[in-house]
């Protein structure tokens, strides 16, 4: 007799589907992995009331069927204590997906599995656990995916060495001398991304430099690099971006030592001069490796590993 599949619920708070992170880690991720989950898991996206409605959260939790794994997206982590306990009792496990939450302030006590959208975040959580500063429990890396609409598209045609920054302008820093060479595409939310997605095929190089931030326990995933990988493009990135070295390799040719203007300009100039040559192709090989690491097959494998931590599979 075949074993019944376990429902893997991707949980989003009401009203958050237009949020880039909530959409990408629920609807997008479920679409990407659904064909590859095998006979063990079935992906479903569900919504829950927000933290301002504790009574509704309790009713919602009591209405949930027994069984199932709950992948709690960033937007769904704030729960009434009673509702959280009820959902936990009715489920096979609550898996908290922190993405870029501040690990020093997020309430993770109800998590059965700590989901890490980067290896750097996993290392940080384990270090905090060892210091007694974070709830105990297993961690599982499920790398941040790209927009599901970018998967399987043909971005591998020859293009000029044009460069793009795709994201919120407030989060990057572009040296004045490069301002005319990097086109800005606003992708601060889902609506903005939908408007510019079709233009990504125009660019062979993605600018992935972040502004220097004050020390905090916010560890952002390498999403812009992953987006570039899905677009078959190279990146200019600094070594201090979490996971950049881990996912691209120590010798990635267009990696600045840090995000200072001088280092960034040198890395950008190298990428522009290398277009079409051996270093450019070596960079694309590294980006192909990153693309494989966030493929549907790879992400589904990471989700199955998460499920096995809760005895599923």
C-alpha atoms as a PDB file:
ATOM      1  CA  UNK A   1       0.000   0.000   0.000  1.00  0.00           C
ATOM      2  CA  UNK A   2       1.373   3.408  -0.975  1.00  0.00           C
ATOM      3  CA  UNK A   3       2.142   5.824   1.833  1.00  0.00           C
ATOM      4  CA  UNK A   4      -0.017   8.950   1.797  1.00  0.00           C
ATOM      5  CA  UNK A   5       1.765  12.194   1.087  1.00  0.00           C
ATOM      6  CA  UNK A   6       2.221  14.664   3.924  1.00  0.00           C
ATOM      7  CA  UNK A   7       1.013  18.194   3.247  1.00  0.00           C
ATOM      8  CA  UNK A   8       3.771  20.778   3.386  1.00  0.00           C
ATOM      9  CA  UNK A   9       1.969  24.037   4.119  1.00  0.00           C
ATOM     10  CA  UNK A  10       3.649  27.306   3.119  1.00  0.00           C
ATOM     11  CA  UNK A  11       1.986  29.783   5.494  1.00  0.00           C
ATOM     12  CA  UNK A  12       1.580  33.480   4.646  1.00  0.00           C
ATOM     13  CA  UNK A  13      -0.096  36.185   6.693  1.00  0.00           C
ATOM     14  CA  UNK A  14      -3.208  37.759   5.203  1.00  0.00           C
ATOM     15  CA  UNK A  15      -2.406  40.768   3.069  1.00  0.00           C
ATOM     16  CA  UNK A  16       1.263  39.864   2.534  1.00  0.00           C
ATOM     17  CA  UNK A  17       1.177  38.222  -0.899  1.00  0.00           C
ATOM     18  CA  UNK A  18       2.517  41.386  -2.515  1.00  0.00           C
ATOM     19  CA  UNK A  19       5.500  41.376  -0.188  1.00  0.00           C
ATOM     20  CA  UNK A  20       8.521  40.154  -2.122  1.00  0.00           C
ATOM     21  CA  UNK A  21       9.835  37.867   0.589  1.00  0.00           C
ATOM     22  CA  UNK A  22       6.441  36.412   1.551  1.00  0.00           C
ATOM     23  CA  UNK A  23       5.537  35.716  -2.073  1.00  0.00           C
ATOM     24  CA  UNK A  24       8.924  34.268  -2.963  1.00  0.00           C
ATOM     25  CA  UNK A  25       9.044  31.921   0.028  1.00  0.00           C
ATOM     26  CA  UNK A  26       5.456  30.704  -0.391  1.00  0.00           C
ATOM     27  CA  UNK A  27       3.902  30.838  -3.853  1.00  0.00           C
ATOM     28  CA  UNK A  28       7.200  30.966  -5.756  1.00  0.00           C
ATOM     29  CA  UNK A  29       8.988  28.334  -3.675  1.00  0.00           C
ATOM     30  CA  UNK A  30       6.020  25.964  -3.746  1.00  0.00           C
ATOM     31  CA  UNK A  31       5.779  26.259  -7.539  1.00  0.00           C
ATOM     32  CA  UNK A  32       9.486  25.633  -7.979  1.00  0.00           C
ATOM     33  CA  UNK A  33       9.662  22.513  -5.793  1.00  0.00           C
ATOM     34  CA  UNK A  34       6.241  20.935  -6.346  1.00  0.00           C
ATOM     35  CA  UNK A  35       7.288  18.756  -9.328  1.00  0.00           C
ATOM     36  CA  UNK A  36      10.334  17.458  -7.430  1.00  0.00           C
ATOM     37  CA  UNK A  37       9.076  16.646  -3.935  1.00  0.00           C
ATOM     38  CA  UNK A  38       8.506  12.971  -4.757  1.00  0.00           C
ATOM     39  CA  UNK A  39       5.998  10.686  -3.052  1.00  0.00           C
ATOM     40  CA  UNK A  40       6.524  12.041   0.461  1.00  0.00           C
ATOM     41  CA  UNK A  41       5.395  15.682   0.402  1.00  0.00           C
ATOM     42  CA  UNK A  42       2.660  17.759  -1.235  1.00  0.00           C
ATOM     43  CA  UNK A  43       3.114  21.551  -1.389  1.00  0.00           C
ATOM     44  CA  UNK A  44       0.195  23.812  -0.475  1.00  0.00           C
ATOM     45  CA  UNK A  45       0.050  27.568   0.170  1.00  0.00           C
ATOM     46  CA  UNK A  46      -2.299  28.750   2.930  1.00  0.00           C
ATOM     47  CA  UNK A  47      -3.005  32.067   4.650  1.00  0.00           C
ATOM     48  CA  UNK A  48      -3.368  32.870   8.336  1.00  0.00           C
ATOM     49  CA  UNK A  49      -4.638  35.907  10.279  1.00  0.00           C
ATOM     50  CA  UNK A  50      -2.098  38.466  11.429  1.00  0.00           C
ATOM     51  CA  UNK A  51      -0.839  39.089  14.951  1.00  0.00           C
ATOM     52  CA  UNK A  52      -3.322  41.937  15.463  1.00  0.00           C
ATOM     53  CA  UNK A  53      -6.117  39.351  15.455  1.00  0.00           C
ATOM     54  CA  UNK A  54      -5.191  36.841  18.176  1.00  0.00           C
ATOM     55  CA  UNK A  55      -8.715  35.436  18.488  1.00  0.00           C
ATOM     56  CA  UNK A  56      -8.865  34.790  14.756  1.00  0.00           C
ATOM     57  CA  UNK A  57      -5.447  33.149  14.944  1.00  0.00           C
ATOM     58  CA  UNK A  58      -6.753  30.785  17.634  1.00  0.00           C
ATOM     59  CA  UNK A  59      -9.851  29.924  15.600  1.00  0.00           C
ATOM     60  CA  UNK A  60      -7.665  29.384  12.530  1.00  0.00           C
ATOM     61  CA  UNK A  61      -5.258  27.111  14.428  1.00  0.00           C
ATOM     62  CA  UNK A  62      -8.107  25.026  15.882  1.00  0.00           C
ATOM     63  CA  UNK A  63      -9.591  24.627  12.395  1.00  0.00           C
ATOM     64  CA  UNK A  64      -6.453  23.152  10.877  1.00  0.00           C
ATOM     65  CA  UNK A  65      -6.497  19.412  10.111  1.00  0.00           C
ATOM     66  CA  UNK A  66      -4.168  17.220  12.115  1.00  0.00           C
ATOM     67  CA  UNK A  67      -0.849  16.326  10.549  1.00  0.00           C
ATOM     68  CA  UNK A  68       1.132  18.274   8.018  1.00  0.00           C
ATOM     69  CA  UNK A  69       4.328  20.283   8.203  1.00  0.00           C
ATOM     70  CA  UNK A  70       4.090  24.047   8.439  1.00  0.00           C
ATOM     71  CA  UNK A  71       6.679  26.197   6.682  1.00  0.00           C
ATOM     72  CA  UNK A  72       6.103  29.503   8.473  1.00  0.00           C
ATOM     73  CA  UNK A  73       7.243  32.314   6.195  1.00  0.00           C
ATOM     74  CA  UNK A  74       8.702  35.518   7.594  1.00  0.00           C
ATOM     75  CA  UNK A  75       5.295  37.209   7.497  1.00  0.00           C
ATOM     76  CA  UNK A  76       3.685  34.460   9.598  1.00  0.00           C
ATOM     77  CA  UNK A  77       6.149  34.169  12.486  1.00  0.00           C
ATOM     78  CA  UNK A  78       4.259  36.449  14.880  1.00  0.00           C
ATOM     79  CA  UNK A  79       1.619  34.272  16.495  1.00  0.00           C
ATOM     80  CA  UNK A  80      -0.529  34.428  19.595  1.00  0.00           C
ATOM     81  CA  UNK A  81       0.931  31.983  22.142  1.00  0.00           C
ATOM     82  CA  UNK A  82      -2.273  29.972  22.441  1.00  0.00           C
ATOM     83  CA  UNK A  83      -2.699  29.778  18.678  1.00  0.00           C
ATOM     84  CA  UNK A  84       0.934  28.744  18.250  1.00  0.00           C
ATOM     85  CA  UNK A  85       0.606  25.984  20.861  1.00  0.00           C
ATOM     86  CA  UNK A  86      -2.593  24.718  19.227  1.00  0.00           C
ATOM     87  CA  UNK A  87      -1.042  24.626  15.761  1.00  0.00           C
ATOM     88  CA  UNK A  88       2.082  22.954  17.109  1.00  0.00           C
ATOM     89  CA  UNK A  89      -0.007  20.246  18.798  1.00  0.00           C
ATOM     90  CA  UNK A  90      -2.006  19.557  15.637  1.00  0.00           C
ATOM     91  CA  UNK A  91       0.961  19.471  13.256  1.00  0.00           C
ATOM     92  CA  UNK A  92       4.022  17.366  12.551  1.00  0.00           C
ATOM     93  CA  UNK A  93       6.184  20.407  13.115  1.00  0.00           C
ATOM     94  CA  UNK A  94       6.551  24.162  12.736  1.00  0.00           C
ATOM     95  CA  UNK A  95       9.483  25.203  10.545  1.00  0.00           C
ATOM     96  CA  UNK A  96      10.364  28.889  10.977  1.00  0.00           C
ATOM     97  CA  UNK A  97      11.788  30.595   7.877  1.00  0.00           C
ATOM     98  CA  UNK A  98      13.576  33.685   9.227  1.00  0.00           C
ATOM     99  CA  UNK A  99      14.955  35.071   5.913  1.00  0.00           C
ATOM    100  CA  UNK A 100      16.162  38.528   7.075  1.00  0.00           C
ATOM    101  CA  UNK A 101      14.533  38.747  10.502  1.00  0.00           C
ATOM    102  CA  UNK A 102      16.773  40.064  13.266  1.00  0.00           C
ATOM    103  CA  UNK A 103      17.835  36.878  15.061  1.00  0.00           C
ATOM    104  CA  UNK A 104      18.342  38.881  18.230  1.00  0.00           C
ATOM    105  CA  UNK A 105      14.701  39.928  18.471  1.00  0.00           C
ATOM    106  CA  UNK A 106      12.606  37.293  16.694  1.00  0.00           C
ATOM    107  CA  UNK A 107      10.572  34.956  18.929  1.00  0.00           C
ATOM    108  CA  UNK A 108      11.667  31.483  17.821  1.00  0.00           C
ATOM    109  CA  UNK A 109      10.557  29.472  20.845  1.00  0.00           C
ATOM    110  CA  UNK A 110       7.816  27.598  18.988  1.00  0.00           C
ATOM    111  CA  UNK A 111      10.057  26.477  16.127  1.00  0.00           C
ATOM    112  CA  UNK A 112      10.645  22.748  15.690  1.00  0.00           C
ATOM    113  CA  UNK A 113      13.099  23.421  12.855  1.00  0.00           C
ATOM    114  CA  UNK A 114      15.039  26.629  12.299  1.00  0.00           C
ATOM    115  CA  UNK A 115      15.027  27.206   8.525  1.00  0.00           C
ATOM    116  CA  UNK A 116      18.046  29.131   7.240  1.00  0.00           C
ATOM    117  CA  UNK A 117      17.929  30.874   3.873  1.00  0.00           C
ATOM    118  CA  UNK A 118      21.720  31.053   3.803  1.00  0.00           C
ATOM    119  CA  UNK A 119      24.655  29.118   5.200  1.00  0.00           C
ATOM    120  CA  UNK A 120      25.772  32.281   6.994  1.00  0.00           C
ATOM    121  CA  UNK A 121      22.452  32.399   8.828  1.00  0.00           C
ATOM    122  CA  UNK A 122      22.773  28.766   9.850  1.00  0.00           C
ATOM    123  CA  UNK A 123      26.235  29.417  11.257  1.00  0.00           C
ATOM    124  CA  UNK A 124      24.921  32.432  13.182  1.00  0.00           C
ATOM    125  CA  UNK A 125      22.006  30.492  14.687  1.00  0.00           C
ATOM    126  CA  UNK A 126      24.230  27.617  15.755  1.00  0.00           C
ATOM    127  CA  UNK A 127      26.654  30.076  17.379  1.00  0.00           C
ATOM    128  CA  UNK A 128      23.790  31.760  19.230  1.00  0.00           C
ATOM    129  CA  UNK A 129      22.481  28.382  20.373  1.00  0.00           C
ATOM    130  CA  UNK A 130      25.902  27.468  21.744  1.00  0.00           C
ATOM    131  CA  UNK A 131      25.863  30.720  23.739  1.00  0.00           C
ATOM    132  CA  UNK A 132      22.355  30.012  25.028  1.00  0.00           C
ATOM    133  CA  UNK A 133      21.029  33.077  23.178  1.00  0.00           C
ATOM    134  CA  UNK A 134      18.679  31.299  20.757  1.00  0.00           C
ATOM    135  CA  UNK A 135      16.181  28.449  21.194  1.00  0.00           C
ATOM    136  CA  UNK A 136      17.635  25.005  20.701  1.00  0.00           C
ATOM    137  CA  UNK A 137      16.545  22.760  17.848  1.00  0.00           C
ATOM    138  CA  UNK A 138      17.810  21.539  14.504  1.00  0.00           C
ATOM    139  CA  UNK A 139      18.674  23.886  11.662  1.00  0.00           C
ATOM    140  CA  UNK A 140      18.123  23.265   7.968  1.00  0.00           C
ATOM    141  CA  UNK A 141      19.428  25.347   5.087  1.00  0.00           C
ATOM    142  CA  UNK A 142      16.857  25.983   2.383  1.00  0.00           C
ATOM    143  CA  UNK A 143      18.585  28.495   0.164  1.00  0.00           C
ATOM    144  CA  UNK A 144      16.578  31.488  -0.935  1.00  0.00           C
ATOM    145  CA  UNK A 145      14.983  30.910  -4.302  1.00  0.00           C
ATOM    146  CA  UNK A 146      14.571  33.369  -7.141  1.00  0.00           C
ATOM    147  CA  UNK A 147      11.291  34.560  -8.625  1.00  0.00           C
ATOM    148  CA  UNK A 148       9.628  31.412 -10.006  1.00  0.00           C
ATOM    149  CA  UNK A 149       9.017  33.149 -13.353  1.00  0.00           C
ATOM    150  CA  UNK A 150      12.791  33.200 -13.948  1.00  0.00           C
ATOM    151  CA  UNK A 151      13.166  29.418 -13.765  1.00  0.00           C
ATOM    152  CA  UNK A 152      13.639  27.749 -17.120  1.00  0.00           C
ATOM    153  CA  UNK A 153      13.794  30.930 -19.194  1.00  0.00           C
ATOM    154  CA  UNK A 154      16.389  31.284 -21.959  1.00  0.00           C
ATOM    155  CA  UNK A 155      18.779  33.935 -20.695  1.00  0.00           C
ATOM    156  CA  UNK A 156      21.879  32.440 -22.269  1.00  0.00           C
ATOM    157  CA  UNK A 157      22.000  34.473 -25.489  1.00  0.00           C
ATOM    158  CA  UNK A 158      24.983  36.730 -26.137  1.00  0.00           C
ATOM    159  CA  UNK A 159      24.448  40.233 -24.732  1.00  0.00           C
ATOM    160  CA  UNK A 160      26.458  43.393 -24.465  1.00  0.00           C
ATOM    161  CA  UNK A 161      28.289  43.945 -21.195  1.00  0.00           C
ATOM    162  CA  UNK A 162      25.491  46.105 -19.806  1.00  0.00           C
ATOM    163  CA  UNK A 163      24.975  46.147 -16.040  1.00  0.00           C
ATOM    164  CA  UNK A 164      21.902  46.388 -13.827  1.00  0.00           C
ATOM    165  CA  UNK A 165      21.011  46.807 -10.180  1.00  0.00           C
ATOM    166  CA  UNK A 166      17.615  45.174  -9.609  1.00  0.00           C
ATOM    167  CA  UNK A 167      16.179  45.979  -6.202  1.00  0.00           C
ATOM    168  CA  UNK A 168      15.588  48.847  -3.810  1.00  0.00           C
ATOM    169  CA  UNK A 169      17.907  51.779  -4.464  1.00  0.00           C
ATOM    170  CA  UNK A 170      18.007  52.482  -0.730  1.00  0.00           C
ATOM    171  CA  UNK A 171      19.914  49.255  -0.108  1.00  0.00           C
ATOM    172  CA  UNK A 172      22.828  49.744  -2.465  1.00  0.00           C
ATOM    173  CA  UNK A 173      25.727  52.121  -2.924  1.00  0.00           C
ATOM    174  CA  UNK A 174      27.069  52.870  -6.403  1.00  0.00           C
ATOM    175  CA  UNK A 175      30.280  54.903  -6.754  1.00  0.00           C
ATOM    176  CA  UNK A 176      29.680  58.159  -8.625  1.00  0.00           C
ATOM    177  CA  UNK A 177      31.924  57.123 -11.511  1.00  0.00           C
ATOM    178  CA  UNK A 178      29.783  54.026 -12.116  1.00  0.00           C
ATOM    179  CA  UNK A 179      26.428  55.747 -11.890  1.00  0.00           C
ATOM    180  CA  UNK A 180      25.996  56.005 -15.659  1.00  0.00           C
ATOM    181  CA  UNK A 181      27.085  52.420 -16.222  1.00  0.00           C
ATOM    182  CA  UNK A 182      24.646  50.634 -13.912  1.00  0.00           C
ATOM    183  CA  UNK A 183      20.970  50.874 -14.772  1.00  0.00           C
ATOM    184  CA  UNK A 184      18.610  50.905 -11.798  1.00  0.00           C
ATOM    185  CA  UNK A 185      15.512  48.704 -11.975  1.00  0.00           C
ATOM    186  CA  UNK A 186      13.156  49.200  -9.066  1.00  0.00           C
ATOM    187  CA  UNK A 187      12.128  45.843  -7.588  1.00  0.00           C
ATOM    188  CA  UNK A 188      11.341  46.878  -4.015  1.00  0.00           C
ATOM    189  CA  UNK A 189       8.134  44.796  -3.950  1.00  0.00           C
ATOM    190  CA  UNK A 190       6.214  42.260  -6.006  1.00  0.00           C
ATOM    191  CA  UNK A 191       4.399  44.832  -8.137  1.00  0.00           C
ATOM    192  CA  UNK A 192       7.648  46.577  -9.015  1.00  0.00           C
ATOM    193  CA  UNK A 193       9.351  43.277  -9.857  1.00  0.00           C
ATOM    194  CA  UNK A 194       6.502  42.287 -12.154  1.00  0.00           C
ATOM    195  CA  UNK A 195       6.992  45.542 -14.046  1.00  0.00           C
ATOM    196  CA  UNK A 196      10.721  45.095 -14.684  1.00  0.00           C
ATOM    197  CA  UNK A 197      11.179  41.311 -14.862  1.00  0.00           C
ATOM    198  CA  UNK A 198      11.000  41.234 -18.650  1.00  0.00           C
ATOM    199  CA  UNK A 199      13.979  43.565 -18.949  1.00  0.00           C
ATOM    200  CA  UNK A 200      16.414  41.326 -17.070  1.00  0.00           C
ATOM    201  CA  UNK A 201      17.327  39.509 -20.279  1.00  0.00           C
ATOM    202  CA  UNK A 202      19.006  42.720 -21.467  1.00  0.00           C
ATOM    203  CA  UNK A 203      21.822  42.596 -18.917  1.00  0.00           C
ATOM    204  CA  UNK A 204      24.907  40.418 -18.744  1.00  0.00           C
ATOM    205  CA  UNK A 205      26.115  41.773 -15.390  1.00  0.00           C
ATOM    206  CA  UNK A 206      24.245  42.304 -12.115  1.00  0.00           C
ATOM    207  CA  UNK A 207      25.514  44.786  -9.536  1.00  0.00           C
ATOM    208  CA  UNK A 208      25.149  43.177  -6.077  1.00  0.00           C
ATOM    209  CA  UNK A 209      26.869  45.601  -3.707  1.00  0.00           C
ATOM    210  CA  UNK A 210      25.050  46.389  -0.462  1.00  0.00           C
ATOM    211  CA  UNK A 211      25.382  49.458   1.684  1.00  0.00           C
ATOM    212  CA  UNK A 212      27.426  48.991   4.828  1.00  0.00           C
ATOM    213  CA  UNK A 213      25.018  48.297   7.677  1.00  0.00           C
ATOM    214  CA  UNK A 214      25.445  48.697  11.397  1.00  0.00           C
ATOM    215  CA  UNK A 215      26.232  45.476  13.193  1.00  0.00           C
ATOM    216  CA  UNK A 216      23.067  43.483  13.812  1.00  0.00           C
ATOM    217  CA  UNK A 217      21.753  39.946  13.696  1.00  0.00           C
ATOM    218  CA  UNK A 218      20.046  40.550  10.351  1.00  0.00           C
ATOM    219  CA  UNK A 219      21.659  38.179   7.856  1.00  0.00           C
ATOM    220  CA  UNK A 220      20.272  38.675   4.393  1.00  0.00           C
ATOM    221  CA  UNK A 221      20.300  35.812   1.875  1.00  0.00           C
ATOM    222  CA  UNK A 222      22.230  36.142  -1.392  1.00  0.00           C
ATOM    223  CA  UNK A 223      19.013  36.757  -3.341  1.00  0.00           C
ATOM    224  CA  UNK A 224      20.416  39.221  -5.882  1.00  0.00           C
ATOM    225  CA  UNK A 225      23.197  36.824  -6.773  1.00  0.00           C
ATOM    226  CA  UNK A 226      20.662  34.017  -7.114  1.00  0.00           C
ATOM    227  CA  UNK A 227      18.509  36.176  -9.383  1.00  0.00           C
ATOM    228  CA  UNK A 228      21.571  36.888 -11.533  1.00  0.00           C
ATOM    229  CA  UNK A 229      22.350  33.182 -11.706  1.00  0.00           C
ATOM    230  CA  UNK A 230      18.841  32.452 -12.999  1.00  0.00           C
ATOM    231  CA  UNK A 231      19.419  35.153 -15.635  1.00  0.00           C
ATOM    232  CA  UNK A 232      22.693  33.469 -16.773  1.00  0.00           C
ATOM    233  CA  UNK A 233      24.531  36.661 -15.832  1.00  0.00           C
ATOM    234  CA  UNK A 234      27.700  37.434 -13.909  1.00  0.00           C
ATOM    235  CA  UNK A 235      27.797  39.605 -10.787  1.00  0.00           C
ATOM    236  CA  UNK A 236      29.931  42.244  -9.151  1.00  0.00           C
ATOM    237  CA  UNK A 237      29.799  41.460  -5.449  1.00  0.00           C
ATOM    238  CA  UNK A 238      31.920  41.963  -2.363  1.00  0.00           C
ATOM    239  CA  UNK A 239      33.408  39.212  -0.233  1.00  0.00           C
ATOM    240  CA  UNK A 240      31.541  40.422   2.831  1.00  0.00           C
ATOM    241  CA  UNK A 241      28.113  39.664   1.339  1.00  0.00           C
ATOM    242  CA  UNK A 242      26.868  36.586   3.237  1.00  0.00           C
ATOM    243  CA  UNK A 243      27.287  33.360   1.249  1.00  0.00           C
ATOM    244  CA  UNK A 244      28.910  35.068  -1.757  1.00  0.00           C
ATOM    245  CA  UNK A 245      32.250  33.273  -1.300  1.00  0.00           C
ATOM    246  CA  UNK A 246      30.578  30.037  -0.170  1.00  0.00           C
ATOM    247  CA  UNK A 247      28.335  29.862  -3.253  1.00  0.00           C
ATOM    248  CA  UNK A 248      30.629  31.346  -5.910  1.00  0.00           C
ATOM    249  CA  UNK A 249      34.052  30.226  -4.713  1.00  0.00           C
ATOM    250  CA  UNK A 250      37.130  31.960  -3.383  1.00  0.00           C
ATOM    251  CA  UNK A 251      38.386  32.704  -6.883  1.00  0.00           C
ATOM    252  CA  UNK A 252      35.260  34.190  -8.425  1.00  0.00           C
ATOM    253  CA  UNK A 253      36.811  36.784 -10.755  1.00  0.00           C
ATOM    254  CA  UNK A 254      34.544  39.793 -10.104  1.00  0.00           C
ATOM    255  CA  UNK A 255      34.490  39.816  -6.327  1.00  0.00           C
ATOM    256  CA  UNK A 256      35.585  42.987  -4.530  1.00  0.00           C
ATOM    257  CA  UNK A 257      37.563  42.593  -1.312  1.00  0.00           C
ATOM    258  CA  UNK A 258      34.973  44.814   0.418  1.00  0.00           C
ATOM    259  CA  UNK A 259      32.315  47.343  -0.578  1.00  0.00           C
ATOM    260  CA  UNK A 260      34.585  50.402  -0.569  1.00  0.00           C
ATOM    261  CA  UNK A 261      34.346  52.533  -3.691  1.00  0.00           C
ATOM    262  CA  UNK A 262      37.864  51.708  -4.860  1.00  0.00           C
ATOM    263  CA  UNK A 263      37.449  47.942  -4.563  1.00  0.00           C
ATOM    264  CA  UNK A 264      34.034  48.035  -6.214  1.00  0.00           C
ATOM    265  CA  UNK A 265      35.256  50.137  -9.128  1.00  0.00           C
ATOM    266  CA  UNK A 266      38.177  47.757  -9.690  1.00  0.00           C
ATOM    267  CA  UNK A 267      35.900  44.693  -9.675  1.00  0.00           C
ATOM    268  CA  UNK A 268      33.455  46.390 -12.046  1.00  0.00           C
ATOM    269  CA  UNK A 269      36.227  47.443 -14.423  1.00  0.00           C
ATOM    270  CA  UNK A 270      37.583  43.901 -14.436  1.00  0.00           C
ATOM    271  CA  UNK A 271      34.152  42.501 -15.306  1.00  0.00           C
ATOM    272  CA  UNK A 272      33.637  45.006 -18.100  1.00  0.00           C
ATOM    273  CA  UNK A 273      37.080  44.330 -19.609  1.00  0.00           C
ATOM    274  CA  UNK A 274      36.673  40.554 -19.252  1.00  0.00           C
ATOM    275  CA  UNK A 275      33.354  40.345 -21.119  1.00  0.00           C
ATOM    276  CA  UNK A 276      33.377  37.313 -23.410  1.00  0.00           C
ATOM    277  CA  UNK A 277      36.853  36.195 -22.364  1.00  0.00           C
ATOM    278  CA  UNK A 278      38.228  33.386 -20.165  1.00  0.00           C
ATOM    279  CA  UNK A 279      37.522  35.135 -16.842  1.00  0.00           C
ATOM    280  CA  UNK A 280      34.003  35.948 -18.001  1.00  0.00           C
ATOM    281  CA  UNK A 281      33.360  32.309 -18.870  1.00  0.00           C
ATOM    282  CA  UNK A 282      34.898  31.186 -15.578  1.00  0.00           C
ATOM    283  CA  UNK A 283      32.499  33.509 -13.785  1.00  0.00           C
ATOM    284  CA  UNK A 284      29.558  32.089 -15.713  1.00  0.00           C
ATOM    285  CA  UNK A 285      30.613  28.579 -14.717  1.00  0.00           C
ATOM    286  CA  UNK A 286      30.448  29.630 -11.060  1.00  0.00           C
ATOM    287  CA  UNK A 287      27.038  31.202 -11.642  1.00  0.00           C
ATOM    288  CA  UNK A 288      25.866  27.959 -13.243  1.00  0.00           C
ATOM    289  CA  UNK A 289      26.890  26.160 -10.052  1.00  0.00           C
ATOM    290  CA  UNK A 290      24.817  28.633  -8.030  1.00  0.00           C
ATOM    291  CA  UNK A 291      21.899  28.108 -10.401  1.00  0.00           C
ATOM    292  CA  UNK A 292      22.106  24.366  -9.765  1.00  0.00           C
ATOM    293  CA  UNK A 293      22.204  24.956  -5.984  1.00  0.00           C
ATOM    294  CA  UNK A 294      18.820  26.716  -6.115  1.00  0.00           C
ATOM    295  CA  UNK A 295      17.206  24.532  -8.775  1.00  0.00           C
ATOM    296  CA  UNK A 296      13.846  22.932  -8.134  1.00  0.00           C
ATOM    297  CA  UNK A 297      15.534  19.583  -7.589  1.00  0.00           C
ATOM    298  CA  UNK A 298      18.044  21.003  -5.093  1.00  0.00           C
ATOM    299  CA  UNK A 299      15.494  23.032  -3.125  1.00  0.00           C
ATOM    300  CA  UNK A 300      13.093  20.083  -2.996  1.00  0.00           C
ATOM    301  CA  UNK A 301      15.924  17.969  -1.592  1.00  0.00           C
ATOM    302  CA  UNK A 302      16.547  20.559   1.112  1.00  0.00           C
ATOM    303  CA  UNK A 303      12.830  20.561   1.998  1.00  0.00           C
ATOM    304  CA  UNK A 304      12.789  16.767   2.190  1.00  0.00           C
ATOM    305  CA  UNK A 305      15.779  16.944   4.541  1.00  0.00           C
ATOM    306  CA  UNK A 306      13.788  19.395   6.676  1.00  0.00           C
ATOM    307  CA  UNK A 307      10.843  17.001   6.716  1.00  0.00           C
ATOM    308  CA  UNK A 308      13.096  14.120   7.770  1.00  0.00           C
ATOM    309  CA  UNK A 309      14.058  16.129  10.846  1.00  0.00           C
ATOM    310  CA  UNK A 310      10.410  15.760  11.852  1.00  0.00           C
ATOM    311  CA  UNK A 311      10.202  12.049  11.001  1.00  0.00           C
ATOM    312  CA  UNK A 312       8.644  12.481   7.555  1.00  0.00           C
ATOM    313  CA  UNK A 313      10.222  10.511   4.744  1.00  0.00           C
END
